[in-house]
N, C-alpha and C. Protein backbone atom coordinates (compact mmCIF):
# COMPACT_ATOMS: atom_id res chain seq x y z
N UNK A 1 169.06 -146.02 103.92
CA UNK A 1 169.01 -147.45 103.82
C UNK A 1 170.30 -147.94 103.18
N UNK A 2 170.84 -148.97 103.77
CA UNK A 2 172.11 -149.52 103.31
C UNK A 2 171.86 -150.62 102.28
N UNK A 3 172.54 -150.52 101.11
CA UNK A 3 172.41 -151.53 100.06
C UNK A 3 173.69 -152.34 100.03
N UNK A 4 173.55 -153.61 100.21
CA UNK A 4 174.72 -154.49 100.14
C UNK A 4 175.02 -154.73 98.66
N UNK A 5 176.18 -154.24 98.20
CA UNK A 5 176.54 -154.35 96.79
C UNK A 5 176.76 -155.79 96.34
N UNK A 6 177.17 -156.64 97.23
CA UNK A 6 177.34 -158.05 96.85
C UNK A 6 175.99 -158.68 96.54
N UNK A 7 174.96 -158.31 97.29
CA UNK A 7 173.61 -158.82 97.00
C UNK A 7 173.10 -158.26 95.68
N UNK A 8 173.39 -156.99 95.42
CA UNK A 8 172.96 -156.38 94.16
C UNK A 8 173.67 -157.02 92.98
N UNK A 9 174.94 -157.30 93.12
CA UNK A 9 175.70 -157.95 92.04
C UNK A 9 175.17 -159.36 91.81
N UNK A 10 174.90 -160.06 92.89
CA UNK A 10 174.34 -161.41 92.78
C UNK A 10 172.98 -161.36 92.09
N UNK A 11 172.18 -160.38 92.48
CA UNK A 11 170.84 -160.22 91.88
C UNK A 11 170.98 -159.96 90.38
N UNK A 12 171.94 -159.11 89.99
CA UNK A 12 172.16 -158.82 88.56
C UNK A 12 172.60 -160.07 87.81
N UNK A 13 173.51 -160.85 88.40
CA UNK A 13 173.96 -162.08 87.74
C UNK A 13 172.81 -163.07 87.59
N UNK A 14 172.02 -163.20 88.63
CA UNK A 14 170.88 -164.12 88.56
C UNK A 14 169.87 -163.66 87.50
N UNK A 15 169.67 -162.37 87.43
CA UNK A 15 168.75 -161.82 86.44
C UNK A 15 169.26 -162.07 85.03
N UNK A 16 170.56 -161.81 84.82
CA UNK A 16 171.16 -162.07 83.51
C UNK A 16 171.10 -163.55 83.15
N UNK A 17 171.36 -164.40 84.13
CA UNK A 17 171.30 -165.85 83.90
C UNK A 17 169.86 -166.27 83.54
N UNK A 18 168.89 -165.70 84.24
CA UNK A 18 167.48 -166.03 83.96
C UNK A 18 167.11 -165.61 82.55
N UNK A 19 167.58 -164.43 82.12
CA UNK A 19 167.30 -163.97 80.75
C UNK A 19 167.93 -164.91 79.73
N UNK A 20 169.18 -165.30 79.98
CA UNK A 20 169.86 -166.21 79.06
C UNK A 20 169.14 -167.56 78.99
N UNK A 21 168.74 -168.06 80.15
CA UNK A 21 168.00 -169.33 80.19
C UNK A 21 166.67 -169.22 79.44
N UNK A 22 165.99 -168.10 79.62
CA UNK A 22 164.70 -167.90 78.95
C UNK A 22 164.88 -167.87 77.44
N UNK A 23 165.93 -167.20 76.96
CA UNK A 23 166.18 -167.16 75.51
C UNK A 23 166.49 -168.55 74.97
N UNK A 24 167.31 -169.30 75.72
CA UNK A 24 167.67 -170.65 75.27
C UNK A 24 166.42 -171.55 75.25
N UNK A 25 165.63 -171.49 76.30
CA UNK A 25 164.42 -172.31 76.36
C UNK A 25 163.43 -171.94 75.27
N UNK A 26 163.31 -170.64 75.00
CA UNK A 26 162.41 -170.20 73.93
C UNK A 26 162.89 -170.74 72.59
N UNK A 27 164.17 -170.66 72.34
CA UNK A 27 164.72 -171.16 71.08
C UNK A 27 164.47 -172.66 70.94
N UNK A 28 164.68 -173.41 72.04
CA UNK A 28 164.42 -174.85 72.00
C UNK A 28 162.94 -175.13 71.75
N UNK A 29 162.08 -174.36 72.38
CA UNK A 29 160.64 -174.57 72.20
C UNK A 29 160.21 -174.28 70.77
N UNK A 30 160.76 -173.23 70.18
CA UNK A 30 160.43 -172.91 68.79
C UNK A 30 160.93 -174.03 67.87
N UNK A 31 162.15 -174.51 68.11
CA UNK A 31 162.68 -175.62 67.31
C UNK A 31 161.80 -176.86 67.45
N UNK A 32 161.40 -177.18 68.67
CA UNK A 32 160.53 -178.34 68.90
C UNK A 32 159.19 -178.16 68.19
N UNK A 33 158.65 -176.96 68.25
CA UNK A 33 157.37 -176.70 67.59
C UNK A 33 157.47 -176.95 66.09
N UNK A 34 158.49 -176.37 65.46
CA UNK A 34 158.60 -176.53 64.01
C UNK A 34 158.97 -177.94 63.61
N UNK A 35 159.74 -178.64 64.45
CA UNK A 35 160.03 -180.04 64.17
C UNK A 35 158.74 -180.86 64.20
N UNK A 36 157.90 -180.59 65.19
CA UNK A 36 156.61 -181.28 65.28
C UNK A 36 155.68 -180.91 64.15
N UNK A 37 155.65 -179.63 63.79
CA UNK A 37 154.80 -179.20 62.67
C UNK A 37 155.27 -179.83 61.38
N UNK A 38 156.58 -179.94 61.20
CA UNK A 38 157.12 -180.56 59.99
C UNK A 38 156.75 -182.04 59.94
N UNK A 39 156.80 -182.71 61.08
CA UNK A 39 156.44 -184.13 61.13
C UNK A 39 154.97 -184.32 60.77
N UNK A 40 154.10 -183.47 61.28
CA UNK A 40 152.67 -183.55 60.95
C UNK A 40 152.47 -183.31 59.46
N UNK A 41 153.15 -182.32 58.93
CA UNK A 41 153.03 -181.99 57.50
C UNK A 41 153.50 -183.16 56.64
N UNK A 42 154.63 -183.78 57.00
CA UNK A 42 155.14 -184.92 56.26
C UNK A 42 154.16 -186.09 56.29
N UNK A 43 153.58 -186.36 57.48
CA UNK A 43 152.58 -187.44 57.58
C UNK A 43 151.38 -187.14 56.70
N UNK A 44 150.97 -185.89 56.68
CA UNK A 44 149.83 -185.48 55.86
C UNK A 44 150.12 -185.70 54.39
N UNK A 45 151.33 -185.33 53.98
CA UNK A 45 151.70 -185.54 52.58
C UNK A 45 151.71 -187.02 52.22
N UNK A 46 152.28 -187.84 53.11
CA UNK A 46 152.31 -189.28 52.83
C UNK A 46 150.90 -189.85 52.78
N UNK A 47 150.05 -189.41 53.69
CA UNK A 47 148.67 -189.89 53.73
C UNK A 47 147.94 -189.49 52.46
N UNK A 48 148.11 -188.25 52.05
CA UNK A 48 147.47 -187.76 50.83
C UNK A 48 147.98 -188.49 49.61
N UNK A 49 149.28 -188.76 49.57
CA UNK A 49 149.88 -189.50 48.44
C UNK A 49 149.30 -190.91 48.40
N UNK A 50 149.21 -191.56 49.55
CA UNK A 50 148.68 -192.93 49.60
C UNK A 50 147.21 -192.94 49.14
N UNK A 51 146.45 -191.95 49.57
CA UNK A 51 145.05 -191.87 49.17
C UNK A 51 144.93 -191.68 47.66
N UNK A 52 145.76 -190.83 47.08
CA UNK A 52 145.74 -190.60 45.64
C UNK A 52 146.13 -191.87 44.89
N UNK A 53 147.12 -192.60 45.41
CA UNK A 53 147.54 -193.85 44.76
C UNK A 53 146.43 -194.89 44.82
N UNK A 54 145.74 -195.01 45.96
CA UNK A 54 144.63 -195.96 46.06
C UNK A 54 143.50 -195.58 45.10
N UNK A 55 143.20 -194.30 45.02
CA UNK A 55 142.14 -193.84 44.11
C UNK A 55 142.51 -194.15 42.66
N UNK A 56 143.76 -193.91 42.31
CA UNK A 56 144.21 -194.18 40.94
C UNK A 56 144.14 -195.67 40.64
N UNK A 57 144.51 -196.50 41.60
CA UNK A 57 144.44 -197.96 41.39
C UNK A 57 142.99 -198.41 41.21
N UNK A 58 142.07 -197.85 42.01
CA UNK A 58 140.65 -198.21 41.85
C UNK A 58 140.13 -197.76 40.49
N UNK A 59 140.54 -196.58 40.05
CA UNK A 59 140.10 -196.08 38.75
C UNK A 59 140.63 -196.98 37.62
N UNK A 60 141.93 -197.35 37.71
CA UNK A 60 142.49 -198.25 36.67
C UNK A 60 141.74 -199.57 36.65
N UNK A 61 141.46 -200.11 37.82
CA UNK A 61 140.74 -201.38 37.90
C UNK A 61 139.34 -201.26 37.31
N UNK A 62 138.66 -200.18 37.63
CA UNK A 62 137.31 -199.95 37.11
C UNK A 62 137.33 -199.81 35.59
N UNK A 63 138.29 -199.06 35.09
CA UNK A 63 138.39 -198.88 33.63
C UNK A 63 138.73 -200.20 32.94
N UNK A 64 139.58 -201.00 33.56
CA UNK A 64 139.92 -202.30 32.97
C UNK A 64 138.69 -203.22 32.95
N UNK A 65 137.92 -203.24 34.04
CA UNK A 65 136.69 -204.06 34.06
C UNK A 65 135.72 -203.59 32.98
N UNK A 66 135.58 -202.29 32.85
CA UNK A 66 134.67 -201.75 31.84
C UNK A 66 135.12 -202.12 30.44
N UNK A 67 136.42 -202.03 30.19
CA UNK A 67 136.94 -202.39 28.87
C UNK A 67 136.72 -203.87 28.59
N UNK A 68 136.96 -204.73 29.59
CA UNK A 68 136.72 -206.17 29.40
C UNK A 68 135.24 -206.44 29.14
N UNK A 69 134.38 -205.75 29.87
CA UNK A 69 132.95 -205.94 29.71
C UNK A 69 132.50 -205.53 28.31
N UNK A 70 133.01 -204.41 27.84
CA UNK A 70 132.63 -203.94 26.49
C UNK A 70 133.17 -204.86 25.41
N UNK A 71 134.41 -205.35 25.59
CA UNK A 71 134.96 -206.25 24.56
C UNK A 71 134.21 -207.58 24.56
N UNK A 72 133.75 -208.03 25.73
CA UNK A 72 132.98 -209.27 25.80
C UNK A 72 131.62 -209.08 25.12
N UNK A 73 131.02 -207.91 25.30
CA UNK A 73 129.73 -207.63 24.66
C UNK A 73 129.90 -207.54 23.15
N UNK A 74 130.98 -206.96 22.69
CA UNK A 74 131.21 -206.81 21.25
C UNK A 74 131.50 -208.14 20.59
N UNK A 75 132.15 -209.07 21.30
CA UNK A 75 132.49 -210.35 20.70
C UNK A 75 131.38 -211.39 20.84
N UNK A 76 130.38 -211.11 21.63
CA UNK A 76 129.28 -212.05 21.81
C UNK A 76 128.43 -212.06 20.54
N UNK A 77 127.96 -213.25 20.14
CA UNK A 77 127.14 -213.31 18.92
C UNK A 77 125.84 -212.54 19.12
N UNK A 78 125.49 -211.80 18.09
CA UNK A 78 124.27 -211.03 18.11
C UNK A 78 123.12 -211.92 17.63
N UNK A 79 121.97 -211.80 18.25
CA UNK A 79 120.83 -212.60 17.78
C UNK A 79 120.47 -212.17 16.35
N UNK A 80 120.22 -213.17 15.50
CA UNK A 80 119.91 -212.85 14.11
C UNK A 80 118.47 -212.36 14.00
N UNK A 81 118.29 -211.44 13.10
CA UNK A 81 116.94 -210.91 12.87
C UNK A 81 116.43 -211.54 11.58
N UNK A 82 115.27 -212.10 11.68
CA UNK A 82 114.69 -212.71 10.50
C UNK A 82 113.75 -211.73 9.89
N UNK A 83 113.90 -211.55 8.61
CA UNK A 83 113.04 -210.63 7.90
C UNK A 83 111.76 -211.33 7.47
N UNK A 84 110.72 -210.63 7.51
CA UNK A 84 109.44 -211.13 7.01
C UNK A 84 108.74 -212.06 7.99
N UNK A 85 109.17 -212.17 9.17
CA UNK A 85 108.49 -213.06 10.11
C UNK A 85 107.75 -212.28 11.14
């Protein structure tokens, strides 16, 4: 069987080119994956930070209301107790 060397050389070049393309595409895909994963992680951190800040603000507000309520109770006149009645 006769093998045309020009076809074999072309086949080798195409094979090498396909390997190079596959490596480049894989590298791009990995970069895209980690860029996307990093974006998700950053959003998660911001969301968690915002949730913690809202919780802290609600806690401060609740503590302030409680302190005002207690100070109002302490400053309110107490009913006098009459002895012997």
